[in-house]
Amino acid sequence: MNKDWKGISIPKLKNIKIFEVEENKGILIIDSEIVAVSTPVDHILPFLGKQEILKKFPSVIVDSGSIKFICNGAKVLRPGITFFDSFEKDEIVTIKDEKFRKYIAVGLAIESSKTSESMEKGYVINNLHFVGDKFWNMFKEISFRI
């Protein structure tokens, strides 16, 4: 798909559609399934509704106090993270809630997991796609058209 999807094999694609959410942002539909979102910073991220794809990326788990901020677009801060998978700086990372382990956001690592674990405060993940964002809401609108 792109350089961000390291180690994830993509099957041969037959039919790709893009629904533009706003300028330079869109939802990618591949073979009639919503698979990814594109951002203006030239990244293609897995769509939050595709669990089987999200599982292939490293994740962090955040405490319940962080959820409302993350679901409003805030960057993920070190104090709210309770668990780290291993990841490198600039790698796609998924964010899950502590109680139910549901995916609530996807972003790019600002620091590696190794560096982040030793931090007491600071930004760890740039939040680019989250539950309730324009991509999520557009999904509801276009899912019946596919």
C-alpha atoms as a PDB file:
ATOM      1  CA  MET A   1       0.000   0.000   0.000  1.00  0.00           C
ATOM      2  CA  ASN A   2       2.766   2.433   0.975  1.00  0.00           C
ATOM      3  CA  LYS A   3       5.998   2.563   2.910  1.00  0.00           C
ATOM      4  CA  ASP A   4       4.072   2.813   6.205  1.00  0.00           C
ATOM      5  CA  TRP A   5       2.629  -0.690   5.873  1.00  0.00           C
ATOM      6  CA  LYS A   6       5.895  -2.526   6.576  1.00  0.00           C
ATOM      7  CA  GLY A   7       5.655  -6.305   6.457  1.00  0.00           C
ATOM      8  CA  ILE A   8       1.973  -6.311   5.540  1.00  0.00           C
ATOM      9  CA  SER A   9       1.265  -8.070   2.284  1.00  0.00           C
ATOM     10  CA  ILE A  10      -1.397  -6.512   0.107  1.00  0.00           C
ATOM     11  CA  PRO A  11      -3.258  -8.789  -2.312  1.00  0.00           C
ATOM     12  CA  LYS A  12      -3.630  -7.783  -5.942  1.00  0.00           C
ATOM     13  CA  LEU A  13      -6.160  -4.962  -6.121  1.00  0.00           C
ATOM     14  CA  LYS A  14      -8.942  -4.957  -8.681  1.00  0.00           C
ATOM     15  CA  ASN A  15     -11.150  -1.991  -7.937  1.00  0.00           C
ATOM     16  CA  ILE A  16     -10.173   1.127  -5.973  1.00  0.00           C
ATOM     17  CA  LYS A  17     -12.468   4.066  -5.191  1.00  0.00           C
ATOM     18  CA  ILE A  18     -11.723   7.153  -3.151  1.00  0.00           C
ATOM     19  CA  PHE A  19     -14.398   9.172  -1.369  1.00  0.00           C
ATOM     20  CA  GLU A  20     -13.002  12.603  -0.627  1.00  0.00           C
ATOM     21  CA  VAL A  21     -13.880  13.743   2.885  1.00  0.00           C
ATOM     22  CA  GLU A  22     -12.219  17.140   2.415  1.00  0.00           C
ATOM     23  CA  GLU A  23      -9.301  18.444   0.386  1.00  0.00           C
ATOM     24  CA  ASN A  24      -6.445  15.907   0.405  1.00  0.00           C
ATOM     25  CA  LYS A  25      -8.298  13.581   2.801  1.00  0.00           C
ATOM     26  CA  GLY A  26     -10.286  10.562   1.723  1.00  0.00           C
ATOM     27  CA  ILE A  27     -11.551   7.060   2.393  1.00  0.00           C
ATOM     28  CA  LEU A  28     -10.110   4.300   0.211  1.00  0.00           C
ATOM     29  CA  ILE A  29     -12.484   1.540  -0.834  1.00  0.00           C
ATOM     30  CA  ILE A  30     -10.784  -1.497  -2.303  1.00  0.00           C
ATOM     31  CA  ASP A  31     -12.827  -4.279  -3.873  1.00  0.00           C
ATOM     32  CA  SER A  32     -16.007  -2.930  -2.207  1.00  0.00           C
ATOM     33  CA  GLU A  33     -14.534  -2.733   1.313  1.00  0.00           C
ATOM     34  CA  ILE A  34     -13.494   0.361   3.226  1.00  0.00           C
ATOM     35  CA  VAL A  35      -9.873  -0.350   3.996  1.00  0.00           C
ATOM     36  CA  ALA A  36      -7.946   2.838   4.673  1.00  0.00           C
ATOM     37  CA  VAL A  37      -7.955   6.601   5.017  1.00  0.00           C
ATOM     38  CA  SER A  38      -5.561   9.019   3.366  1.00  0.00           C
ATOM     39  CA  THR A  39      -4.298  12.091   5.162  1.00  0.00           C
ATOM     40  CA  PRO A  40      -2.841  15.373   3.926  1.00  0.00           C
ATOM     41  CA  VAL A  41       0.570  14.414   5.345  1.00  0.00           C
ATOM     42  CA  ASP A  42       0.899  11.786   2.599  1.00  0.00           C
ATOM     43  CA  HIS A  43       0.070   8.737   4.708  1.00  0.00           C
ATOM     44  CA  ILE A  44      -2.416   5.975   4.184  1.00  0.00           C
ATOM     45  CA  LEU A  45      -3.707   4.662   7.501  1.00  0.00           C
ATOM     46  CA  PRO A  46      -5.800   1.577   8.213  1.00  0.00           C
ATOM     47  CA  PHE A  47      -9.480   2.393   8.723  1.00  0.00           C
ATOM     48  CA  LEU A  48     -10.669   1.928  12.320  1.00  0.00           C
ATOM     49  CA  GLY A  49     -13.545  -0.282  11.219  1.00  0.00           C
ATOM     50  CA  LYS A  50     -11.202  -2.979   9.805  1.00  0.00           C
ATOM     51  CA  GLN A  51     -10.107  -5.025  12.839  1.00  0.00           C
ATOM     52  CA  GLU A  52      -8.296  -7.674  10.788  1.00  0.00           C
ATOM     53  CA  ILE A  53      -6.023  -4.999   9.309  1.00  0.00           C
ATOM     54  CA  LEU A  54      -5.567  -3.039  12.551  1.00  0.00           C
ATOM     55  CA  LYS A  55      -4.286  -6.176  14.309  1.00  0.00           C
ATOM     56  CA  LYS A  56      -1.272  -6.198  11.983  1.00  0.00           C
ATOM     57  CA  PHE A  57       0.055  -2.901  13.372  1.00  0.00           C
ATOM     58  CA  PRO A  58       1.715  -2.270  16.745  1.00  0.00           C
ATOM     59  CA  SER A  59      -0.504  -0.729  19.391  1.00  0.00           C
ATOM     60  CA  VAL A  60      -0.581   1.075  22.699  1.00  0.00           C
ATOM     61  CA  ILE A  61      -3.236   0.783  25.364  1.00  0.00           C
ATOM     62  CA  VAL A  62      -4.462   3.954  27.067  1.00  0.00           C
ATOM     63  CA  ASP A  63      -6.243   4.518  30.362  1.00  0.00           C
ATOM     64  CA  SER A  64      -9.886   5.563  30.480  1.00  0.00           C
ATOM     65  CA  GLY A  65      -9.019   9.179  31.313  1.00  0.00           C
ATOM     66  CA  SER A  66      -7.311   9.589  27.934  1.00  0.00           C
ATOM     67  CA  ILE A  67     -10.140   8.319  25.734  1.00  0.00           C
ATOM     68  CA  LYS A  68     -12.268  11.479  25.505  1.00  0.00           C
ATOM     69  CA  PHE A  69      -9.238  13.571  24.539  1.00  0.00           C
ATOM     70  CA  ILE A  70      -8.013  11.078  21.939  1.00  0.00           C
ATOM     71  CA  CYS A  71     -11.522  10.781  20.456  1.00  0.00           C
ATOM     72  CA  ASN A  72     -11.472  14.563  20.053  1.00  0.00           C
ATOM     73  CA  GLY A  73      -8.215  14.456  18.089  1.00  0.00           C
ATOM     74  CA  ALA A  74      -5.600  15.035  20.800  1.00  0.00           C
ATOM     75  CA  LYS A  75      -2.125  13.570  20.458  1.00  0.00           C
ATOM     76  CA  VAL A  76      -1.458  10.569  22.675  1.00  0.00           C
ATOM     77  CA  LEU A  77       0.534  11.581  25.749  1.00  0.00           C
ATOM     78  CA  ARG A  78       2.908   9.355  27.699  1.00  0.00           C
ATOM     79  CA  PRO A  79       1.120   9.502  31.072  1.00  0.00           C
ATOM     80  CA  GLY A  80      -2.039   7.969  29.590  1.00  0.00           C
ATOM     81  CA  ILE A  81      -0.330   4.922  28.052  1.00  0.00           C
ATOM     82  CA  THR A  82      -0.452   1.746  30.146  1.00  0.00           C
ATOM     83  CA  PHE A  83       1.025  -0.738  27.620  1.00  0.00           C
ATOM     84  CA  PHE A  84       3.362  -0.550  24.598  1.00  0.00           C
ATOM     85  CA  ASP A  85       3.925  -2.910  21.687  1.00  0.00           C
ATOM     86  CA  SER A  86       7.302  -2.417  20.040  1.00  0.00           C
ATOM     87  CA  PHE A  87       7.414   0.312  17.343  1.00  0.00           C
ATOM     88  CA  GLU A  88       9.798   2.803  15.785  1.00  0.00           C
ATOM     89  CA  LYS A  89       9.501   6.561  15.321  1.00  0.00           C
ATOM     90  CA  ASP A  90       7.217   7.493  12.358  1.00  0.00           C
ATOM     91  CA  GLU A  91       5.607   4.021  12.304  1.00  0.00           C
ATOM     92  CA  ILE A  92       1.812   3.583  12.191  1.00  0.00           C
ATOM     93  CA  VAL A  93       0.507   2.721  15.668  1.00  0.00           C
ATOM     94  CA  THR A  94      -3.024   1.852  16.764  1.00  0.00           C
ATOM     95  CA  ILE A  95      -4.504   3.032  20.052  1.00  0.00           C
ATOM     96  CA  LYS A  96      -6.799   0.821  22.147  1.00  0.00           C
ATOM     97  CA  ASP A  97      -8.757   1.504  25.314  1.00  0.00           C
ATOM     98  CA  GLU A  98      -7.704  -0.253  28.514  1.00  0.00           C
ATOM     99  CA  LYS A  99     -11.086  -1.675  29.563  1.00  0.00           C
ATOM    100  CA  PHE A 100     -12.427  -3.247  26.344  1.00  0.00           C
ATOM    101  CA  ARG A 101      -9.275  -3.266  24.166  1.00  0.00           C
ATOM    102  CA  LYS A 102     -11.233  -1.625  21.335  1.00  0.00           C
ATOM    103  CA  TYR A 103      -9.445   0.428  18.703  1.00  0.00           C
ATOM    104  CA  ILE A 104     -10.130   4.121  19.213  1.00  0.00           C
ATOM    105  CA  ALA A 105      -7.466   5.786  17.047  1.00  0.00           C
ATOM    106  CA  VAL A 106      -4.592   5.387  14.599  1.00  0.00           C
ATOM    107  CA  GLY A 107      -1.583   7.635  14.311  1.00  0.00           C
ATOM    108  CA  LEU A 108       2.131   7.997  13.690  1.00  0.00           C
ATOM    109  CA  ALA A 109       4.699   7.473  16.424  1.00  0.00           C
ATOM    110  CA  ILE A 110       6.480  10.665  17.409  1.00  0.00           C
ATOM    111  CA  GLU A 111       8.981   8.614  19.412  1.00  0.00           C
ATOM    112  CA  SER A 112       9.920   4.927  19.410  1.00  0.00           C
ATOM    113  CA  SER A 113       8.306   2.663  22.009  1.00  0.00           C
ATOM    114  CA  LYS A 114      11.688   2.199  23.685  1.00  0.00           C
ATOM    115  CA  THR A 115      12.156   5.957  24.105  1.00  0.00           C
ATOM    116  CA  SER A 116       8.503   6.503  25.062  1.00  0.00           C
ATOM    117  CA  GLU A 117       8.499   3.898  27.826  1.00  0.00           C
ATOM    118  CA  SER A 118      11.277   5.748  29.636  1.00  0.00           C
ATOM    119  CA  MET A 119       9.507   9.120  29.350  1.00  0.00           C
ATOM    120  CA  GLU A 120       7.400  10.505  32.190  1.00  0.00           C
ATOM    121  CA  LYS A 121       5.557  13.033  30.028  1.00  0.00           C
ATOM    122  CA  GLY A 122       5.373  14.227  26.443  1.00  0.00           C
ATOM    123  CA  TYR A 123       3.813  13.345  23.096  1.00  0.00           C
ATOM    124  CA  VAL A 124       4.121   9.761  21.869  1.00  0.00           C
ATOM    125  CA  ILE A 125       1.672   9.441  18.943  1.00  0.00           C
ATOM    126  CA  ASN A 126       0.314  11.997  16.486  1.00  0.00           C
ATOM    127  CA  ASN A 127      -3.387  11.103  16.309  1.00  0.00           C
ATOM    128  CA  LEU A 128      -4.530  11.138  12.651  1.00  0.00           C
ATOM    129  CA  HIS A 129      -7.720   9.005  12.617  1.00  0.00           C
ATOM    130  CA  PHE A 130     -10.051   8.462  15.572  1.00  0.00           C
ATOM    131  CA  VAL A 131     -13.567   7.314  16.441  1.00  0.00           C
ATOM    132  CA  GLY A 132     -15.916  10.206  15.674  1.00  0.00           C
ATOM    133  CA  ASP A 133     -13.665  11.984  13.158  1.00  0.00           C
ATOM    134  CA  LYS A 134     -14.680  12.960   9.613  1.00  0.00           C
ATOM    135  CA  PHE A 135     -13.535   9.591   8.215  1.00  0.00           C
ATOM    136  CA  TRP A 136     -15.563   7.679  10.804  1.00  0.00           C
ATOM    137  CA  ASN A 137     -18.681   9.753  10.159  1.00  0.00           C
ATOM    138  CA  MET A 138     -18.283   9.554   6.361  1.00  0.00           C
ATOM    139  CA  PHE A 139     -18.068   5.758   6.681  1.00  0.00           C
ATOM    140  CA  LYS A 140     -21.622   5.711   8.062  1.00  0.00           C
ATOM    141  CA  GLU A 141     -22.804   7.772   5.106  1.00  0.00           C
ATOM    142  CA  ILE A 142     -21.094   5.809   2.311  1.00  0.00           C
ATOM    143  CA  SER A 143     -21.247   2.252   3.687  1.00  0.00           C
ATOM    144  CA  PHE A 144     -24.720   1.758   2.234  1.00  0.00           C
ATOM    145  CA  ARG A 145     -23.512   2.854  -1.244  1.00  0.00           C
ATOM    146  CA  ILE A 146     -20.814   0.216  -1.570  1.00  0.00           C
END
